[in-house]
Amino acid sequence: MFELFTRTCIILTRTGLSYDVRLMPPVWSLPLRVDLVVHSLKDLPTSLPPGFTIGAVLKRETPYDAVILHPKKAGLTLDTLPEGSVIGTSSLRRAAQLKRRFPHLEFKDIRGNLNTRLKKLDDHDDYSAIILAAAGLRRLGWESRISQILTPDDCMYAVGQGALAVEARAGDEDILKMLSVLNDTDTVLRCVAERAFLRHLEGGCSVPVAIHSEVKESQLYLTGAVYSLDGLDSLKETMQTSFTTENQVEERVHVGITARTVLTSAQDAAEKLGTDLAALLLHKGAKKILSVARQLNNAR
């Protein structure tokens, strides 16, 4: 459900002891009063409007991208598809990386929700395959349509991809306390680092920015990359940080996230990691790559 609608969310409003559930646009654009808003985290800006915060980041579904083949291409992969096969994707990030990795393929824009894209794939011969987030397909029960999961070597994912975030009012103590138990520590730390990376780069959906993160034995590893639209020019680096054993949790916001049950020192380290990695790429010339990509995309 959460991936089916572009830039929409689920809201919960208190009505006595129960909650009403409706699909709505982001909470800051709503005239009515709401208590909770469930988003795909990748659709939320790294700086929220004043008065709002992310009170919980739930355990992440797989963040990877998936290949859905046309029924006539069953059994193939991106590697084995014939030269000139057309792949549908609406993501600059995916297209840039896959053009670089699979130069024998062609990439064409495809729009619409998941139902629409799958119908365009199945009912016509315009595309040999399309690329979608695996998380959305799994949540809708369409995992059987996945022909191939793309590894980070093929295509790194978008910041926050696969994670659900619950937005609330920053001053609503009852709601934030209730939400705090939903936080998944590893997901919070990974997403704090990813969002800090994107914010420092001043990137977004109009430029190809990709990420990969992992927590192993109190170490957070972060790989970030920027690409030109054709994928030929790129910068990619990896950094890591360790977490201290401090057990203090403070009321502090990290790139829009208020995670009260996650160690403050660990969140500080994650945010610094993302910022430091972005600073490294900017030092190596990422700003020029992103600026050119943005200009070319805006001119289309």
C-alpha atoms as a PDB file:
ATOM      1  CA  MET A   1       0.000   0.000   0.000  1.00  0.00           C
ATOM      2  CA  PHE A   2       2.699   2.449   0.953  1.00  0.00           C
ATOM      3  CA  GLU A   3       4.529   2.260  -2.388  1.00  0.00           C
ATOM      4  CA  LEU A   4       1.402   2.240  -4.547  1.00  0.00           C
ATOM      5  CA  PHE A   5       0.777   5.983  -4.336  1.00  0.00           C
ATOM      6  CA  THR A   6       3.420   8.536  -5.297  1.00  0.00           C
ATOM      7  CA  ARG A   7       4.164  11.028  -2.527  1.00  0.00           C
ATOM      8  CA  THR A   8       1.079  10.180  -0.504  1.00  0.00           C
ATOM      9  CA  CYS A   9       0.809   8.921   3.021  1.00  0.00           C
ATOM     10  CA  ILE A  10      -1.494   7.285   5.517  1.00  0.00           C
ATOM     11  CA  ILE A  11      -2.817   9.455   8.320  1.00  0.00           C
ATOM     12  CA  LEU A  12      -4.296   8.464  11.665  1.00  0.00           C
ATOM     13  CA  THR A  13      -6.556  10.890  13.501  1.00  0.00           C
ATOM     14  CA  ARG A  14      -7.921  10.352  16.995  1.00  0.00           C
ATOM     15  CA  THR A  15     -11.705   9.912  17.230  1.00  0.00           C
ATOM     16  CA  GLY A  16     -12.431   9.004  20.810  1.00  0.00           C
ATOM     17  CA  LEU A  17     -10.514   5.799  21.506  1.00  0.00           C
ATOM     18  CA  SER A  18     -10.156   4.755  17.871  1.00  0.00           C
ATOM     19  CA  TYR A  19      -8.308   6.015  14.798  1.00  0.00           C
ATOM     20  CA  ASP A  20      -9.506   6.947  11.341  1.00  0.00           C
ATOM     21  CA  VAL A  21      -7.225   5.890   8.467  1.00  0.00           C
ATOM     22  CA  ARG A  22      -7.130   7.807   5.188  1.00  0.00           C
ATOM     23  CA  LEU A  23      -4.804   8.329   2.257  1.00  0.00           C
ATOM     24  CA  MET A  24      -3.742  11.964   2.144  1.00  0.00           C
ATOM     25  CA  PRO A  25      -0.950  14.270   0.955  1.00  0.00           C
ATOM     26  CA  PRO A  26       1.886  15.208   3.354  1.00  0.00           C
ATOM     27  CA  VAL A  27       0.707  16.401   6.749  1.00  0.00           C
ATOM     28  CA  TRP A  28       2.018  19.964   6.464  1.00  0.00           C
ATOM     29  CA  SER A  29      -0.342  20.593   3.534  1.00  0.00           C
ATOM     30  CA  LEU A  30      -3.452  19.400   5.350  1.00  0.00           C
ATOM     31  CA  PRO A  31      -6.093  21.806   6.728  1.00  0.00           C
ATOM     32  CA  LEU A  32      -7.404  19.250   9.247  1.00  0.00           C
ATOM     33  CA  ARG A  33      -5.650  18.153  12.446  1.00  0.00           C
ATOM     34  CA  VAL A  34      -3.890  14.794  12.280  1.00  0.00           C
ATOM     35  CA  ASP A  35      -1.783  12.873  14.768  1.00  0.00           C
ATOM     36  CA  LEU A  36       0.261  10.392  12.741  1.00  0.00           C
ATOM     37  CA  VAL A  37       1.385  10.251   9.130  1.00  0.00           C
ATOM     38  CA  VAL A  38       3.065   7.162   7.657  1.00  0.00           C
ATOM     39  CA  HIS A  39       5.446   7.871   4.784  1.00  0.00           C
ATOM     40  CA  SER A  40       7.961   6.091   2.640  1.00  0.00           C
ATOM     41  CA  LEU A  41      11.057   7.684   4.161  1.00  0.00           C
ATOM     42  CA  LYS A  42      12.706   8.178   0.780  1.00  0.00           C
ATOM     43  CA  ASP A  43       9.935  10.664  -0.111  1.00  0.00           C
ATOM     44  CA  LEU A  44      10.527  12.907   2.916  1.00  0.00           C
ATOM     45  CA  PRO A  45      12.848  15.925   2.669  1.00  0.00           C
ATOM     46  CA  THR A  46      15.894  15.944   4.939  1.00  0.00           C
ATOM     47  CA  SER A  47      14.630  19.163   6.565  1.00  0.00           C
ATOM     48  CA  LEU A  48      10.973  19.091   7.617  1.00  0.00           C
ATOM     49  CA  PRO A  49       8.808  22.198   8.001  1.00  0.00           C
ATOM     50  CA  PRO A  50       8.890  23.774  11.488  1.00  0.00           C
ATOM     51  CA  GLY A  51       6.727  21.980  14.029  1.00  0.00           C
ATOM     52  CA  PHE A  52       7.017  18.505  12.512  1.00  0.00           C
ATOM     53  CA  THR A  53       9.343  15.575  13.147  1.00  0.00           C
ATOM     54  CA  ILE A  54       9.784  11.902  12.299  1.00  0.00           C
ATOM     55  CA  GLY A  55       8.888  10.139  15.546  1.00  0.00           C
ATOM     56  CA  ALA A  56       9.692   6.607  14.399  1.00  0.00           C
ATOM     57  CA  VAL A  57      11.588   4.790  11.669  1.00  0.00           C
ATOM     58  CA  LEU A  58      10.428   1.192  11.419  1.00  0.00           C
ATOM     59  CA  LYS A  59      12.564  -1.850  10.619  1.00  0.00           C
ATOM     60  CA  ARG A  60      13.653  -1.579   7.027  1.00  0.00           C
ATOM     61  CA  GLU A  61      12.314  -3.802   4.295  1.00  0.00           C
ATOM     62  CA  THR A  62      14.892  -4.679   1.634  1.00  0.00           C
ATOM     63  CA  PRO A  63      16.197  -1.397   0.163  1.00  0.00           C
ATOM     64  CA  TYR A  64      17.309  -2.950  -3.109  1.00  0.00           C
ATOM     65  CA  ASP A  65      15.872  -2.465  -6.573  1.00  0.00           C
ATOM     66  CA  ALA A  66      14.233  -5.277  -8.517  1.00  0.00           C
ATOM     67  CA  VAL A  67      14.011  -6.233 -12.186  1.00  0.00           C
ATOM     68  CA  ILE A  68      10.563  -7.221 -13.480  1.00  0.00           C
ATOM     69  CA  LEU A  69      10.833  -8.884 -16.876  1.00  0.00           C
ATOM     70  CA  HIS A  70       8.274  -8.889 -19.662  1.00  0.00           C
ATOM     71  CA  PRO A  71       6.599 -12.341 -19.673  1.00  0.00           C
ATOM     72  CA  LYS A  72       8.238 -13.060 -23.043  1.00  0.00           C
ATOM     73  CA  LYS A  73      11.681 -12.520 -21.445  1.00  0.00           C
ATOM     74  CA  ALA A  74      11.178 -14.921 -18.541  1.00  0.00           C
ATOM     75  CA  GLY A  75      14.377 -16.588 -17.368  1.00  0.00           C
ATOM     76  CA  LEU A  76      16.709 -13.829 -18.552  1.00  0.00           C
ATOM     77  CA  THR A  77      18.626 -11.202 -16.553  1.00  0.00           C
ATOM     78  CA  LEU A  78      19.867  -7.725 -17.383  1.00  0.00           C
ATOM     79  CA  ASP A  79      23.177  -9.336 -18.350  1.00  0.00           C
ATOM     80  CA  THR A  80      21.579 -11.805 -20.772  1.00  0.00           C
ATOM     81  CA  LEU A  81      18.933  -9.581 -22.369  1.00  0.00           C
ATOM     82  CA  PRO A  82      19.653  -8.956 -26.078  1.00  0.00           C
ATOM     83  CA  GLU A  83      21.520  -5.809 -27.044  1.00  0.00           C
ATOM     84  CA  GLY A  84      19.219  -2.826 -27.437  1.00  0.00           C
ATOM     85  CA  SER A  85      16.567  -4.170 -25.065  1.00  0.00           C
ATOM     86  CA  VAL A  86      14.569  -1.303 -23.540  1.00  0.00           C
ATOM     87  CA  ILE A  87      14.392  -1.018 -19.763  1.00  0.00           C
ATOM     88  CA  GLY A  88      11.785   1.220 -18.146  1.00  0.00           C
ATOM     89  CA  THR A  89      12.596   3.361 -15.126  1.00  0.00           C
ATOM     90  CA  SER A  90      11.528   6.785 -13.920  1.00  0.00           C
ATOM     91  CA  SER A  91      14.579   7.138 -11.647  1.00  0.00           C
ATOM     92  CA  LEU A  92      17.637   9.149 -12.697  1.00  0.00           C
ATOM     93  CA  ARG A  93      19.619   7.276 -10.052  1.00  0.00           C
ATOM     94  CA  ARG A  94      18.737   3.870 -11.466  1.00  0.00           C
ATOM     95  CA  ALA A  95      19.225   4.890 -15.083  1.00  0.00           C
ATOM     96  CA  ALA A  96      22.645   6.453 -14.489  1.00  0.00           C
ATOM     97  CA  GLN A  97      24.013   3.414 -12.675  1.00  0.00           C
ATOM     98  CA  LEU A  98      22.497   0.833 -14.997  1.00  0.00           C
ATOM     99  CA  LYS A  99      23.662   2.631 -18.143  1.00  0.00           C
ATOM    100  CA  ARG A 100      27.159   2.389 -16.724  1.00  0.00           C
ATOM    101  CA  ARG A 101      26.826  -1.252 -15.667  1.00  0.00           C
ATOM    102  CA  PHE A 102      24.840  -2.543 -18.690  1.00  0.00           C
ATOM    103  CA  PRO A 103      25.898  -0.487 -21.739  1.00  0.00           C
ATOM    104  CA  HIS A 104      24.207  -2.910 -24.136  1.00  0.00           C
ATOM    105  CA  LEU A 105      20.762  -1.885 -22.860  1.00  0.00           C
ATOM    106  CA  GLU A 106      18.621   1.182 -23.570  1.00  0.00           C
ATOM    107  CA  PHE A 107      16.685   3.035 -20.878  1.00  0.00           C
ATOM    108  CA  LYS A 108      13.338   4.728 -21.328  1.00  0.00           C
ATOM    109  CA  ASP A 109      11.229   6.731 -18.902  1.00  0.00           C
ATOM    110  CA  ILE A 110       8.112   5.065 -17.495  1.00  0.00           C
ATOM    111  CA  ARG A 111       5.555   6.745 -15.195  1.00  0.00           C
ATOM    112  CA  GLY A 112       2.583   5.791 -13.050  1.00  0.00           C
ATOM    113  CA  ASN A 113       1.933   3.776  -9.895  1.00  0.00           C
ATOM    114  CA  LEU A 114       2.959   0.129  -9.675  1.00  0.00           C
ATOM    115  CA  ASN A 115      -0.239  -1.154 -11.268  1.00  0.00           C
ATOM    116  CA  THR A 116       0.137   1.218 -14.207  1.00  0.00           C
ATOM    117  CA  ARG A 117       3.791   0.385 -14.797  1.00  0.00           C
ATOM    118  CA  LEU A 118       3.210  -3.351 -14.632  1.00  0.00           C
ATOM    119  CA  LYS A 119       0.316  -3.036 -17.080  1.00  0.00           C
ATOM    120  CA  LYS A 120       2.474  -1.009 -19.486  1.00  0.00           C
ATOM    121  CA  LEU A 121       5.099  -3.766 -19.277  1.00  0.00           C
ATOM    122  CA  ASP A 122       2.773  -6.740 -19.683  1.00  0.00           C
ATOM    123  CA  ASP A 123       0.286  -5.416 -22.258  1.00  0.00           C
ATOM    124  CA  HIS A 124       2.750  -4.049 -24.800  1.00  0.00           C
ATOM    125  CA  ASP A 125       6.181  -4.794 -26.214  1.00  0.00           C
ATOM    126  CA  ASP A 126       7.666  -1.355 -25.472  1.00  0.00           C
ATOM    127  CA  TYR A 127       9.813  -2.626 -22.584  1.00  0.00           C
ATOM    128  CA  SER A 128      11.787  -5.804 -22.018  1.00  0.00           C
ATOM    129  CA  ALA A 129      11.851  -5.080 -18.296  1.00  0.00           C
ATOM    130  CA  ILE A 130      11.167  -2.374 -15.737  1.00  0.00           C
ATOM    131  CA  ILE A 131      13.004  -1.504 -12.521  1.00  0.00           C
ATOM    132  CA  LEU A 132      11.054  -0.997  -9.278  1.00  0.00           C
ATOM    133  CA  ALA A 133      11.776  -0.931  -5.560  1.00  0.00           C
ATOM    134  CA  ALA A 134      11.638  -4.478  -4.221  1.00  0.00           C
ATOM    135  CA  ALA A 135      10.064  -3.221  -0.980  1.00  0.00           C
ATOM    136  CA  GLY A 136       6.932  -1.957  -2.731  1.00  0.00           C
ATOM    137  CA  LEU A 137       6.431  -5.231  -4.567  1.00  0.00           C
ATOM    138  CA  ARG A 138       6.835  -7.239  -1.371  1.00  0.00           C
ATOM    139  CA  ARG A 139       4.431  -5.072   0.610  1.00  0.00           C
ATOM    140  CA  LEU A 140       1.781  -5.505  -2.072  1.00  0.00           C
ATOM    141  CA  GLY A 141       2.294  -9.260  -2.210  1.00  0.00           C
ATOM    142  CA  TRP A 142       3.744  -9.165  -5.722  1.00  0.00           C
ATOM    143  CA  GLU A 143       7.123 -10.679  -4.900  1.00  0.00           C
ATOM    144  CA  SER A 144       6.506 -13.403  -7.494  1.00  0.00           C
ATOM    145  CA  ARG A 145       6.952 -10.750 -10.212  1.00  0.00           C
ATOM    146  CA  ILE A 146      10.559 -10.119  -9.176  1.00  0.00           C
ATOM    147  CA  SER A 147      12.920 -11.637 -11.729  1.00  0.00           C
ATOM    148  CA  GLN A 148      16.185 -10.304 -10.307  1.00  0.00           C
ATOM    149  CA  ILE A 149      17.338  -8.338  -7.261  1.00  0.00           C
ATOM    150  CA  LEU A 150      20.031  -5.794  -8.097  1.00  0.00           C
ATOM    151  CA  THR A 151      23.058  -5.910  -5.819  1.00  0.00           C
ATOM    152  CA  PRO A 152      24.921  -2.753  -4.739  1.00  0.00           C
ATOM    153  CA  ASP A 153      27.526  -3.560  -7.403  1.00  0.00           C
ATOM    154  CA  ASP A 154      24.785  -3.197 -10.016  1.00  0.00           C
ATOM    155  CA  CYS A 155      22.707  -0.390  -8.543  1.00  0.00           C
ATOM    156  CA  MET A 156      22.875   1.263  -5.124  1.00  0.00           C
ATOM    157  CA  TYR A 157      19.583   2.444  -3.714  1.00  0.00           C
ATOM    158  CA  ALA A 158      17.996   5.772  -2.814  1.00  0.00           C
ATOM    159  CA  VAL A 159      18.389   7.438   0.573  1.00  0.00           C
ATOM    160  CA  GLY A 160      15.841   5.936   2.969  1.00  0.00           C
ATOM    161  CA  GLN A 161      14.550   3.414   0.433  1.00  0.00           C
ATOM    162  CA  GLY A 162      12.653   0.507   1.994  1.00  0.00           C
ATOM    163  CA  ALA A 163      12.059   2.273   5.329  1.00  0.00           C
ATOM    164  CA  LEU A 164       8.753   3.572   6.663  1.00  0.00           C
ATOM    165  CA  ALA A 165       8.699   6.750   8.751  1.00  0.00           C
ATOM    166  CA  VAL A 166       5.959   8.001  11.056  1.00  0.00           C
ATOM    167  CA  GLU A 167       5.653  11.779  11.144  1.00  0.00           C
ATOM    168  CA  ALA A 168       4.078  13.687  14.028  1.00  0.00           C
ATOM    169  CA  ARG A 169       3.956  17.125  15.591  1.00  0.00           C
ATOM    170  CA  ALA A 170       7.262  17.927  17.266  1.00  0.00           C
ATOM    171  CA  GLY A 171       5.609  19.035  20.500  1.00  0.00           C
ATOM    172  CA  ASP A 172       3.119  16.179  20.886  1.00  0.00           C
ATOM    173  CA  GLU A 173       4.643  14.329  23.844  1.00  0.00           C
ATOM    174  CA  ASP A 174       1.968  11.615  24.034  1.00  0.00           C
ATOM    175  CA  ILE A 175       2.277  10.687  20.376  1.00  0.00           C
ATOM    176  CA  LEU A 176       6.099  10.819  20.330  1.00  0.00           C
ATOM    177  CA  LYS A 177       6.293   8.625  23.422  1.00  0.00           C
ATOM    178  CA  MET A 178       3.948   6.119  21.823  1.00  0.00           C
ATOM    179  CA  LEU A 179       5.941   6.123  18.567  1.00  0.00           C
ATOM    180  CA  SER A 180       9.329   5.731  20.242  1.00  0.00           C
ATOM    181  CA  VAL A 181       8.857   1.985  20.785  1.00  0.00           C
ATOM    182  CA  LEU A 182       8.546   1.471  17.020  1.00  0.00           C
ATOM    183  CA  ASN A 183      12.093   2.617  16.227  1.00  0.00           C
ATOM    184  CA  ASP A 184      14.467   0.012  14.832  1.00  0.00           C
ATOM    185  CA  THR A 185      17.958   0.998  15.976  1.00  0.00           C
ATOM    186  CA  ASP A 186      19.945  -0.212  12.962  1.00  0.00           C
ATOM    187  CA  THR A 187      17.452   1.322  10.530  1.00  0.00           C
ATOM    188  CA  VAL A 188      17.482   4.644  12.377  1.00  0.00           C
ATOM    189  CA  LEU A 189      21.274   4.843  12.354  1.00  0.00           C
ATOM    190  CA  ARG A 190      21.554   3.875   8.699  1.00  0.00           C
ATOM    191  CA  CYS A 191      18.882   6.359   7.635  1.00  0.00           C
ATOM    192  CA  VAL A 192      20.316   9.187   9.759  1.00  0.00           C
ATOM    193  CA  ALA A 193      23.662   8.695   8.000  1.00  0.00           C
ATOM    194  CA  GLU A 194      22.027   8.470   4.566  1.00  0.00           C
ATOM    195  CA  ARG A 195      19.883  11.573   5.081  1.00  0.00           C
ATOM    196  CA  ALA A 196      22.838  13.566   6.423  1.00  0.00           C
ATOM    197  CA  PHE A 197      24.781  12.559   3.295  1.00  0.00           C
ATOM    198  CA  LEU A 198      21.994  13.753   1.000  1.00  0.00           C
ATOM    199  CA  ARG A 199      21.413  16.972   2.922  1.00  0.00           C
ATOM    200  CA  HIS A 200      25.078  17.975   2.852  1.00  0.00           C
ATOM    201  CA  LEU A 201      25.276  17.221  -0.868  1.00  0.00           C
ATOM    202  CA  GLU A 202      22.135  19.309  -1.415  1.00  0.00           C
ATOM    203  CA  GLY A 203      20.947  16.512  -3.658  1.00  0.00           C
ATOM    204  CA  GLY A 204      17.460  15.205  -4.348  1.00  0.00           C
ATOM    205  CA  CYS A 205      15.364  13.365  -6.902  1.00  0.00           C
ATOM    206  CA  SER A 206      16.485  15.717  -9.697  1.00  0.00           C
ATOM    207  CA  VAL A 207      20.068  14.376  -9.597  1.00  0.00           C
ATOM    208  CA  PRO A 208      21.522  10.837  -9.502  1.00  0.00           C
ATOM    209  CA  VAL A 209      22.617  10.220  -5.887  1.00  0.00           C
ATOM    210  CA  ALA A 210      22.936   6.666  -4.575  1.00  0.00           C
ATOM    211  CA  ILE A 211      23.738   5.118  -1.226  1.00  0.00           C
ATOM    212  CA  HIS A 212      24.473   1.839   0.545  1.00  0.00           C
ATOM    213  CA  SER A 213      24.706   1.384   4.315  1.00  0.00           C
ATOM    214  CA  GLU A 214      25.313  -1.501   6.691  1.00  0.00           C
ATOM    215  CA  VAL A 215      25.697  -2.037  10.448  1.00  0.00           C
ATOM    216  CA  LYS A 216      28.152  -4.700  11.586  1.00  0.00           C
ATOM    217  CA  GLU A 217      29.340  -5.233  15.153  1.00  0.00           C
ATOM    218  CA  SER A 218      28.931  -1.631  16.344  1.00  0.00           C
ATOM    219  CA  GLN A 219      30.337  -0.308  13.069  1.00  0.00           C
ATOM    220  CA  LEU A 220      28.319   1.675  10.547  1.00  0.00           C
ATOM    221  CA  TYR A 221      29.541   1.491   6.955  1.00  0.00           C
ATOM    222  CA  LEU A 222      28.347   4.018   4.393  1.00  0.00           C
ATOM    223  CA  THR A 223      28.996   4.095   0.650  1.00  0.00           C
ATOM    224  CA  GLY A 224      27.785   7.078  -1.324  1.00  0.00           C
ATOM    225  CA  ALA A 225      27.995   8.020  -4.980  1.00  0.00           C
ATOM    226  CA  VAL A 226      26.984  10.719  -7.439  1.00  0.00           C
ATOM    227  CA  TYR A 227      26.602  10.239 -11.182  1.00  0.00           C
ATOM    228  CA  SER A 228      26.185  12.184 -14.378  1.00  0.00           C
ATOM    229  CA  LEU A 229      22.893  11.491 -16.184  1.00  0.00           C
ATOM    230  CA  ASP A 230      24.611   9.141 -18.644  1.00  0.00           C
ATOM    231  CA  GLY A 231      26.506   7.383 -15.853  1.00  0.00           C
ATOM    232  CA  LEU A 232      29.892   7.985 -17.476  1.00  0.00           C
ATOM    233  CA  ASP A 233      31.089  10.469 -14.860  1.00  0.00           C
ATOM    234  CA  SER A 234      30.874   9.440 -11.221  1.00  0.00           C
ATOM    235  CA  LEU A 235      32.396   9.650  -7.758  1.00  0.00           C
ATOM    236  CA  LYS A 236      32.034   6.906  -5.164  1.00  0.00           C
ATOM    237  CA  GLU A 237      33.552   6.572  -1.684  1.00  0.00           C
ATOM    238  CA  THR A 238      33.085   4.509   1.472  1.00  0.00           C
ATOM    239  CA  MET A 239      33.571   5.547   5.096  1.00  0.00           C
ATOM    240  CA  GLN A 240      32.785   3.960   8.451  1.00  0.00           C
ATOM    241  CA  THR A 241      32.335   4.918  12.085  1.00  0.00           C
ATOM    242  CA  SER A 242      32.044   3.125  15.411  1.00  0.00           C
ATOM    243  CA  PHE A 243      29.534   3.690  18.205  1.00  0.00           C
ATOM    244  CA  THR A 244      30.447   4.475  21.806  1.00  0.00           C
ATOM    245  CA  THR A 245      29.019   2.585  24.772  1.00  0.00           C
ATOM    246  CA  GLU A 246      27.370   5.698  26.228  1.00  0.00           C
ATOM    247  CA  ASN A 247      23.843   4.810  27.276  1.00  0.00           C
ATOM    248  CA  GLN A 248      22.414   8.319  27.357  1.00  0.00           C
ATOM    249  CA  VAL A 249      19.411   9.224  25.246  1.00  0.00           C
ATOM    250  CA  GLU A 250      18.658  12.918  24.812  1.00  0.00           C
ATOM    251  CA  GLU A 251      15.888  14.827  23.071  1.00  0.00           C
ATOM    252  CA  ARG A 252      17.715  15.734  19.880  1.00  0.00           C
ATOM    253  CA  VAL A 253      16.656  15.832  16.233  1.00  0.00           C
ATOM    254  CA  HIS A 254      18.919  14.310  13.588  1.00  0.00           C
ATOM    255  CA  VAL A 255      18.056  15.254   9.977  1.00  0.00           C
ATOM    256  CA  GLY A 256      14.377  15.439  10.851  1.00  0.00           C
ATOM    257  CA  ILE A 257      14.305  12.266  12.988  1.00  0.00           C
ATOM    258  CA  THR A 258      13.518  12.235  16.716  1.00  0.00           C
ATOM    259  CA  ALA A 259      14.443   8.703  17.822  1.00  0.00           C
ATOM    260  CA  ARG A 260      14.158   8.746  21.606  1.00  0.00           C
ATOM    261  CA  THR A 261      15.034   5.080  22.123  1.00  0.00           C
ATOM    262  CA  VAL A 262      18.274   5.178  20.103  1.00  0.00           C
ATOM    263  CA  LEU A 263      21.533   6.259  21.753  1.00  0.00           C
ATOM    264  CA  THR A 264      22.212   9.930  21.129  1.00  0.00           C
ATOM    265  CA  SER A 265      25.938   9.322  20.703  1.00  0.00           C
ATOM    266  CA  ALA A 266      25.255   6.700  18.039  1.00  0.00           C
ATOM    267  CA  GLN A 267      22.958   9.057  16.143  1.00  0.00           C
ATOM    268  CA  ASP A 268      25.561  11.822  16.412  1.00  0.00           C
ATOM    269  CA  ALA A 269      28.178   9.476  14.946  1.00  0.00           C
ATOM    270  CA  ALA A 270      25.834   8.398  12.135  1.00  0.00           C
ATOM    271  CA  GLU A 271      24.996  11.987  11.197  1.00  0.00           C
ATOM    272  CA  LYS A 272      28.648  12.964  11.225  1.00  0.00           C
ATOM    273  CA  LEU A 273      29.501   9.974   9.036  1.00  0.00           C
ATOM    274  CA  GLY A 274      26.984  11.036   6.400  1.00  0.00           C
ATOM    275  CA  THR A 275      28.158  14.636   6.474  1.00  0.00           C
ATOM    276  CA  ASP A 276      31.832  13.646   6.300  1.00  0.00           C
ATOM    277  CA  LEU A 277      31.253  11.316   3.358  1.00  0.00           C
ATOM    278  CA  ALA A 278      29.380  14.024   1.451  1.00  0.00           C
ATOM    279  CA  ALA A 279      32.150  16.521   2.238  1.00  0.00           C
ATOM    280  CA  LEU A 280      34.708  14.083   0.832  1.00  0.00           C
ATOM    281  CA  LEU A 281      32.790  13.704  -2.433  1.00  0.00           C
ATOM    282  CA  LEU A 282      32.294  17.458  -2.698  1.00  0.00           C
ATOM    283  CA  HIS A 283      36.030  17.943  -2.194  1.00  0.00           C
ATOM    284  CA  LYS A 284      36.652  15.526  -5.070  1.00  0.00           C
ATOM    285  CA  GLY A 285      34.311  17.344  -7.465  1.00  0.00           C
ATOM    286  CA  ALA A 286      30.799  16.063  -6.759  1.00  0.00           C
ATOM    287  CA  LYS A 287      29.308  19.552  -6.879  1.00  0.00           C
ATOM    288  CA  LYS A 288      30.220  19.956 -10.548  1.00  0.00           C
ATOM    289  CA  ILE A 289      28.790  16.547 -11.482  1.00  0.00           C
ATOM    290  CA  LEU A 290      25.537  17.271  -9.659  1.00  0.00           C
ATOM    291  CA  SER A 291      25.266  20.791 -11.046  1.00  0.00           C
ATOM    292  CA  VAL A 292      25.626  19.612 -14.642  1.00  0.00           C
ATOM    293  CA  ALA A 293      23.176  16.736 -14.038  1.00  0.00           C
ATOM    294  CA  ARG A 294      20.629  19.132 -12.527  1.00  0.00           C
ATOM    295  CA  GLN A 295      20.928  21.590 -15.402  1.00  0.00           C
ATOM    296  CA  LEU A 296      20.549  18.867 -18.032  1.00  0.00           C
ATOM    297  CA  ASN A 297      17.583  17.332 -16.226  1.00  0.00           C
ATOM    298  CA  ASN A 298      15.831  20.699 -15.880  1.00  0.00           C
ATOM    299  CA  ALA A 299      16.381  21.367 -19.582  1.00  0.00           C
ATOM    300  CA  ARG A 300      14.614  18.173 -20.635  1.00  0.00           C
END
